[in-house]
């Protein structure tokens, strides 16, 4: 079977690695990179570190408004699919690349498999929520990471072609954790000691585009009482500069360039706590057993909150400071993301 896999952003490269490794055991995979994330620190380094085969196509779409970016991807992906004529298209997650790939395939009557299906934040103001809902409703095979995701689909009338497989990011974590400890020197390079620092990532427009929100977040970080390592997304850097906040960074906040997967895993694994507005980082923190403070009012990963290892604080300075000082998981972790064999299960289901 010929399978076209479509990726475009950092989280999708991570998810693609264990699945691609499995698919290529039995099938021919054509890897299409939309170019949504395009600089070395957000794209090429992940292919290098995760041993993902070089993309057969790099569409080079780049950044832009949601409509223009998605539209450009839609046309470019359609051209490739018409040329390659795959038996199946695989999309990952909830980015514009996900939606464009699913729509292009559906309009060409090519079956669509959505990996990480069924997630819901129930906040349609988030572009990711729109992407994931629409993708689920045009997909033929829906591979869910959690029981909650299966229930979300059922509530929307989607019950056919739904498979609970666990989370492919757990596959990636299990495969790369020991490698990260062996190869990464990020703690030494940044100058922090295990258990004595925080990690923060901020990239969502609801935070980065709002000067008041970013000022509140940075103000809270300044009260952390410990070093805070801030791998900064290129877009976040531009926004902070535009807000006049980049030059006034609190002294304890150490801004670094975007990190590769291995460095990021080791950095998070040894942090006291992680602060983020990223869905993927919330999940990675849980898998690493590190408490997470989420700089949003909602999350698609409700299991991490219900388990007591993640707390939602929005962008309010007082709530963030309180969580930094006092939030601590009150219970042992539950196994909510499967057994780390999602890639194998997906290959078996697709082969059937």
Protein backbone atom coordinates (compact mmCIF):
# COMPACT_ATOMS: atom_id res chain seq x y z
CA UNK A 1 0.00 0.00 0.00
CA UNK A 2 1.24 3.50 -0.80
CA UNK A 3 0.72 5.90 2.12
CA UNK A 4 1.21 9.67 1.95
CA UNK A 5 2.11 11.11 5.35
CA UNK A 6 1.70 14.87 5.76
CA UNK A 7 3.65 16.85 8.39
CA UNK A 8 4.55 20.48 8.81
CA UNK A 9 5.25 21.46 12.42
CA UNK A 10 7.50 20.41 15.31
CA UNK A 11 4.94 18.23 17.15
CA UNK A 12 4.13 16.36 13.94
CA UNK A 13 7.77 15.49 13.30
CA UNK A 14 7.89 13.89 16.77
CA UNK A 15 4.65 11.97 16.20
CA UNK A 16 5.66 10.90 12.72
CA UNK A 17 8.95 9.27 13.77
CA UNK A 18 7.59 6.12 15.50
CA UNK A 19 4.72 5.74 13.01
CA UNK A 20 6.94 6.11 9.94
CA UNK A 21 9.34 3.55 11.40
CA UNK A 22 6.46 1.05 11.60
CA UNK A 23 4.75 1.89 8.30
CA UNK A 24 7.91 1.34 6.29
CA UNK A 25 8.10 -2.25 7.52
CA UNK A 26 5.15 -3.20 5.30
CA UNK A 27 4.21 -0.23 3.11
CA UNK A 28 5.63 2.45 0.83
CA UNK A 29 5.51 5.86 2.53
CA UNK A 30 5.68 9.19 0.71
CA UNK A 31 6.55 11.90 3.24
CA UNK A 32 5.21 15.40 2.47
CA UNK A 33 6.51 18.35 4.52
CA UNK A 34 4.39 21.47 4.07
CA UNK A 35 7.10 23.78 5.38
CA UNK A 36 4.83 25.30 8.06
CA UNK A 37 7.83 25.23 10.40
CA UNK A 38 10.82 25.93 8.23
CA UNK A 39 13.93 27.17 10.05
CA UNK A 40 16.56 24.67 11.19
CA UNK A 41 15.72 24.90 14.91
CA UNK A 42 12.03 24.18 14.29
CA UNK A 43 12.30 21.68 11.44
CA UNK A 44 15.52 20.11 10.13
CA UNK A 45 16.99 19.33 13.54
CA UNK A 46 14.01 17.08 14.31
CA UNK A 47 14.49 15.02 11.16
CA UNK A 48 18.15 14.66 12.03
CA UNK A 49 17.72 13.72 15.70
CA UNK A 50 14.69 11.46 15.29
CA UNK A 51 16.10 9.65 12.24
CA UNK A 52 13.04 10.50 10.17
CA UNK A 53 13.59 9.85 6.46
CA UNK A 54 14.17 12.98 4.43
CA UNK A 55 10.83 14.29 3.08
CA UNK A 56 10.04 13.30 -0.48
CA UNK A 57 8.44 16.73 -0.90
CA UNK A 58 9.06 20.01 0.94
CA UNK A 59 6.36 22.41 -0.17
CA UNK A 60 8.03 25.44 1.43
CA UNK A 61 4.75 27.16 2.33
CA UNK A 62 6.17 29.09 5.29
CA UNK A 63 4.21 31.38 7.58
CA UNK A 64 1.17 33.56 6.89
CA UNK A 65 -2.35 34.19 8.09
CA UNK A 66 -4.38 31.07 8.79
CA UNK A 67 -6.50 31.41 5.67
CA UNK A 68 -3.63 32.16 3.29
CA UNK A 69 -1.37 29.49 4.77
CA UNK A 70 -4.06 26.79 4.73
CA UNK A 71 -5.12 27.74 1.20
CA UNK A 72 -1.56 27.60 -0.12
CA UNK A 73 -1.07 24.20 1.50
CA UNK A 74 -4.34 22.88 0.11
CA UNK A 75 -3.36 23.59 -3.48
CA UNK A 76 0.21 22.36 -3.13
CA UNK A 77 -0.79 19.13 -1.35
CA UNK A 78 -3.47 18.45 -3.96
CA UNK A 79 -0.84 18.63 -6.71
CA UNK A 80 1.37 16.08 -4.94
CA UNK A 81 -1.50 13.71 -4.19
CA UNK A 82 -2.64 13.78 -7.81
CA UNK A 83 0.91 12.97 -8.90
CA UNK A 84 1.51 10.19 -6.33
CA UNK A 85 -2.03 8.74 -6.21
CA UNK A 86 -1.64 7.15 -2.74
CA UNK A 87 -4.02 4.57 -1.29
CA UNK A 88 -4.23 6.47 2.01
CA UNK A 89 -3.29 9.86 3.47
CA UNK A 90 -2.11 10.09 7.09
CA UNK A 91 -2.32 13.40 8.99
CA UNK A 92 -1.26 14.24 12.52
CA UNK A 93 -2.61 16.49 15.24
CA UNK A 94 -4.30 19.84 14.72
CA UNK A 95 -2.24 22.30 12.70
CA UNK A 96 -3.09 24.02 9.41
CA UNK A 97 -1.02 21.29 7.74
CA UNK A 98 -3.35 18.70 9.26
CA UNK A 99 -6.51 20.34 7.96
CA UNK A 100 -5.09 21.11 4.53
CA UNK A 101 -3.89 17.53 4.09
CA UNK A 102 -7.21 16.05 5.19
CA UNK A 103 -9.26 18.35 2.96
CA UNK A 104 -7.07 17.81 -0.08
CA UNK A 105 -7.33 14.04 0.30
CA UNK A 106 -11.07 14.04 1.01
CA UNK A 107 -11.82 16.12 -2.09
CA UNK A 108 -9.80 13.65 -4.17
CA UNK A 109 -11.68 10.74 -2.56
CA UNK A 110 -8.53 9.36 -0.95
CA UNK A 111 -9.15 7.77 2.48
CA UNK A 112 -7.82 9.82 5.42
CA UNK A 113 -6.31 8.48 8.66
CA UNK A 114 -6.09 11.01 11.50
CA UNK A 115 -3.55 10.26 14.22
CA UNK A 116 -4.38 11.98 17.53
CA UNK A 117 -8.08 12.14 16.69
CA UNK A 118 -10.85 13.10 19.10
CA UNK A 119 -9.13 15.77 21.14
CA UNK A 120 -11.32 18.69 22.21
CA UNK A 121 -10.67 21.87 24.19
CA UNK A 122 -14.25 23.03 23.43
CA UNK A 123 -12.88 26.48 22.61
CA UNK A 124 -13.53 27.37 18.97
CA UNK A 125 -11.48 30.56 19.35
CA UNK A 126 -8.42 28.32 19.12
CA UNK A 127 -7.54 27.63 15.47
CA UNK A 128 -6.29 24.21 16.54
CA UNK A 129 -9.77 23.29 17.77
CA UNK A 130 -11.32 24.17 14.41
CA UNK A 131 -8.62 22.19 12.61
CA UNK A 132 -9.05 19.06 14.69
CA UNK A 133 -12.87 19.06 14.56
CA UNK A 134 -12.99 19.48 10.79
CA UNK A 135 -10.24 16.91 10.25
CA UNK A 136 -12.05 14.33 12.36
CA UNK A 137 -15.25 14.80 10.38
CA UNK A 138 -13.60 14.10 7.00
CA UNK A 139 -11.43 11.21 8.23
CA UNK A 140 -12.13 7.55 7.56
CA UNK A 141 -9.80 6.11 10.21
CA UNK A 142 -9.47 7.88 13.55
CA UNK A 143 -6.64 6.82 15.85
CA UNK A 144 -7.34 8.09 19.36
CA UNK A 145 -4.73 8.56 22.11
CA UNK A 146 -7.15 8.31 25.07
CA UNK A 147 -10.57 7.02 26.10
CA UNK A 148 -11.72 10.63 26.45
CA UNK A 149 -10.94 11.20 22.77
CA UNK A 150 -13.04 8.18 21.80
CA UNK A 151 -15.93 9.52 23.90
CA UNK A 152 -15.61 12.96 22.31
CA UNK A 153 -16.00 11.45 18.85
CA UNK A 154 -18.98 9.37 19.91
CA UNK A 155 -20.67 12.50 21.26
CA UNK A 156 -20.36 13.97 17.75
CA UNK A 157 -21.76 10.84 16.12
CA UNK A 158 -18.43 9.41 14.97
CA UNK A 159 -18.19 5.74 15.90
CA UNK A 160 -17.10 3.98 12.70
CA UNK A 161 -13.39 3.60 12.00
CA UNK A 162 -12.43 4.72 15.52
CA UNK A 163 -9.49 2.96 17.21
CA UNK A 164 -8.02 3.50 20.69
CA UNK A 165 -4.26 3.04 20.20
CA UNK A 166 -2.61 5.24 22.81
CA UNK A 167 -0.38 8.20 22.19
CA UNK A 168 2.40 8.07 19.60
CA UNK A 169 4.32 10.70 21.58
CA UNK A 170 4.74 8.12 24.34
CA UNK A 171 6.33 5.84 21.73
CA UNK A 172 8.72 8.67 20.83
CA UNK A 173 9.44 9.44 24.49
CA UNK A 174 10.24 5.83 25.35
CA UNK A 175 12.49 5.48 22.30
CA UNK A 176 14.43 8.70 22.85
CA UNK A 177 14.57 9.26 26.63
CA UNK A 178 17.79 7.32 27.22
CA UNK A 179 19.31 8.76 24.04
CA UNK A 180 18.60 12.28 25.30
CA UNK A 181 20.28 11.60 28.64
CA UNK A 182 23.34 10.27 26.85
CA UNK A 183 23.73 12.89 24.14
CA UNK A 184 22.28 16.15 25.45
CA UNK A 185 24.40 18.66 27.36
CA UNK A 186 21.71 21.31 27.55
CA UNK A 187 21.73 21.65 31.36
CA UNK A 188 25.46 22.24 31.35
CA UNK A 189 25.23 24.69 28.44
CA UNK A 190 22.41 26.71 30.01
CA UNK A 191 24.01 26.54 33.46
CA UNK A 192 21.26 24.98 35.57
CA UNK A 193 21.19 22.08 38.02
CA UNK A 194 18.63 19.26 38.08
CA UNK A 195 15.52 20.10 40.10
CA UNK A 196 16.52 23.73 40.60
CA UNK A 197 14.95 25.50 37.62
CA UNK A 198 11.71 25.90 35.69
CA UNK A 199 11.09 25.58 31.95
CA UNK A 200 8.60 27.80 30.11
CA UNK A 201 7.28 27.77 26.54
CA UNK A 202 4.80 30.29 25.14
CA UNK A 203 3.66 30.38 21.53
CA UNK A 204 -0.15 30.67 21.29
CA UNK A 205 -1.42 33.90 19.72
CA UNK A 206 -3.90 34.34 22.59
CA UNK A 207 -0.84 34.99 24.75
CA UNK A 208 1.88 36.23 22.41
CA UNK A 209 -0.31 38.77 20.61
CA UNK A 210 -1.59 40.26 23.88
CA UNK A 211 0.92 42.56 25.55
CA UNK A 212 -0.96 42.47 28.86
CA UNK A 213 -0.88 38.67 28.94
CA UNK A 214 2.82 38.48 28.13
CA UNK A 215 3.66 41.15 30.71
CA UNK A 216 1.73 39.17 33.33
CA UNK A 217 3.46 35.91 32.42
CA UNK A 218 6.94 37.45 32.46
CA UNK A 219 6.17 39.29 35.70
CA UNK A 220 5.19 36.02 37.34
CA UNK A 221 8.34 34.31 36.05
CA UNK A 222 10.36 37.09 37.62
CA UNK A 223 8.95 36.04 41.00
CA UNK A 224 9.84 32.36 40.54
CA UNK A 225 12.85 32.51 42.86
CA UNK A 226 14.71 30.14 40.56
CA UNK A 227 16.23 30.25 37.08
CA UNK A 228 13.63 29.95 34.32
CA UNK A 229 14.79 28.55 30.98
CA UNK A 230 12.76 29.96 28.08
CA UNK A 231 13.33 28.28 24.68
CA UNK A 232 11.74 30.96 22.56
CA UNK A 233 9.68 30.36 19.44
CA UNK A 234 10.72 32.73 16.59
CA UNK A 235 7.23 34.21 16.44
CA UNK A 236 7.18 34.73 20.21
CA UNK A 237 10.50 36.57 19.99
CA UNK A 238 9.08 38.90 17.34
CA UNK A 239 5.98 39.57 19.44
CA UNK A 240 7.97 40.29 22.59
CA UNK A 241 10.19 42.68 20.67
CA UNK A 242 7.12 44.40 19.25
CA UNK A 243 5.62 44.74 22.72
CA UNK A 244 8.88 46.21 24.04
CA UNK A 245 9.20 43.32 26.51
CA UNK A 246 12.20 41.46 25.13
CA UNK A 247 14.68 44.02 26.46
CA UNK A 248 13.04 44.00 29.92
CA UNK A 249 13.21 40.26 30.54
CA UNK A 250 13.47 39.40 34.27
CA UNK A 251 17.04 38.64 35.32
CA UNK A 252 16.28 35.05 36.29
CA UNK A 253 14.74 34.22 32.88
CA UNK A 254 17.29 32.71 30.51
CA UNK A 255 16.11 33.06 26.92
CA UNK A 256 17.57 30.44 24.59
CA UNK A 257 17.01 29.56 20.94
CA UNK A 258 14.50 26.80 20.04
CA UNK A 259 15.78 23.42 21.17
CA UNK A 260 15.88 20.11 19.38
CA UNK A 261 13.81 17.24 20.70
CA UNK A 262 16.59 15.54 22.66
CA UNK A 263 17.66 18.76 24.41
CA UNK A 264 14.05 19.67 25.18
CA UNK A 265 13.29 16.26 26.65
CA UNK A 266 16.33 16.35 28.94
CA UNK A 267 15.64 19.95 29.96
CA UNK A 268 12.02 19.18 30.91
CA UNK A 269 12.86 15.87 32.57
CA UNK A 270 15.03 17.55 35.19
CA UNK A 271 12.94 20.70 35.75
CA UNK A 272 11.13 21.36 39.00
CA UNK A 273 8.05 22.42 37.03
CA UNK A 274 7.10 23.21 33.44
CA UNK A 275 4.99 26.22 32.41
CA UNK A 276 3.46 26.21 28.94
CA UNK A 277 0.56 27.05 26.67
CA UNK A 278 1.43 24.13 24.37
CA UNK A 279 -0.73 21.03 24.26
CA UNK A 280 2.20 18.79 23.39
CA UNK A 281 4.42 20.10 26.18
CA UNK A 282 1.65 19.50 28.74
CA UNK A 283 1.57 15.90 27.66
CA UNK A 284 5.35 15.50 27.55
CA UNK A 285 5.62 16.91 31.07
CA UNK A 286 3.11 14.32 32.28
CA UNK A 287 4.99 11.51 30.57
CA UNK A 288 8.20 12.71 32.22
CA UNK A 289 6.58 12.94 35.65
CA UNK A 290 7.06 16.71 35.95
CA UNK A 291 4.28 19.00 37.31
CA UNK A 292 2.85 21.29 34.63
CA UNK A 293 1.39 24.79 34.94
CA UNK A 294 -0.70 25.55 31.86
CA UNK A 295 -0.96 29.19 30.77
CA UNK A 296 -4.45 28.67 29.34
CA UNK A 297 -8.01 28.47 30.65
CA UNK A 298 -8.67 25.11 28.97
CA UNK A 299 -6.85 22.05 27.70
CA UNK A 300 -7.45 19.20 25.30
CA UNK A 301 -5.44 16.97 27.67
CA UNK A 302 -8.01 16.90 30.47
CA UNK A 303 -6.58 13.63 31.79
CA UNK A 304 -3.46 15.41 33.01
CA UNK A 305 -5.58 17.86 35.02
CA UNK A 306 -7.86 15.15 36.39
CA UNK A 307 -4.79 13.20 37.48
CA UNK A 308 -3.60 16.22 39.48
CA UNK A 309 -0.37 16.77 37.53
CA UNK A 310 -1.49 19.80 35.51
CA UNK A 311 -3.15 23.03 36.64
CA UNK A 312 -4.81 25.65 34.44
CA UNK A 313 -3.94 29.24 35.42
CA UNK A 314 -4.51 31.33 32.29
CA UNK A 315 -2.34 34.42 31.98
CA UNK A 316 -3.07 35.93 35.40
CA UNK A 317 0.07 36.89 37.29
CA UNK A 318 -1.23 36.03 40.75
CA UNK A 319 -2.49 32.59 39.73
CA UNK A 320 0.78 31.79 37.97
CA UNK A 321 2.87 32.86 40.98
CA UNK A 322 0.67 30.83 43.31
CA UNK A 323 1.08 27.74 41.16
CA UNK A 324 4.84 28.24 40.91
CA UNK A 325 5.08 28.39 44.70
CA UNK A 326 2.44 25.92 45.82
CA UNK A 327 1.21 23.57 43.08
CA UNK A 328 2.23 20.00 43.73
CA UNK A 329 0.64 16.77 42.47
CA UNK A 330 -1.32 15.11 45.23
CA UNK A 331 -1.41 11.61 43.79
CA UNK A 332 0.52 9.06 41.77
CA UNK A 333 0.23 9.22 38.02
CA UNK A 334 -2.31 7.11 36.16
CA UNK A 335 -1.50 5.42 32.86
CA UNK A 336 -3.66 7.41 30.48
CA UNK A 337 -1.65 7.46 27.24
CA UNK A 338 -1.42 3.75 26.50
CA UNK A 339 1.48 1.31 26.60
CA UNK A 340 3.92 3.02 24.24
CA UNK A 341 3.04 0.79 21.28
CA UNK A 342 0.70 3.10 19.36
CA UNK A 343 2.84 2.98 16.22
CA UNK A 344 2.66 -0.82 16.10
CA UNK A 345 -1.12 -0.79 16.61
CA UNK A 346 -1.62 1.83 13.90
CA UNK A 347 0.43 -0.24 11.44
CA UNK A 348 -1.58 -3.36 12.26
CA UNK A 349 -4.93 -1.58 11.84
CA UNK A 350 -3.86 0.01 8.56
CA UNK A 351 -2.58 -3.33 7.26
CA UNK A 352 -5.96 -4.92 8.02
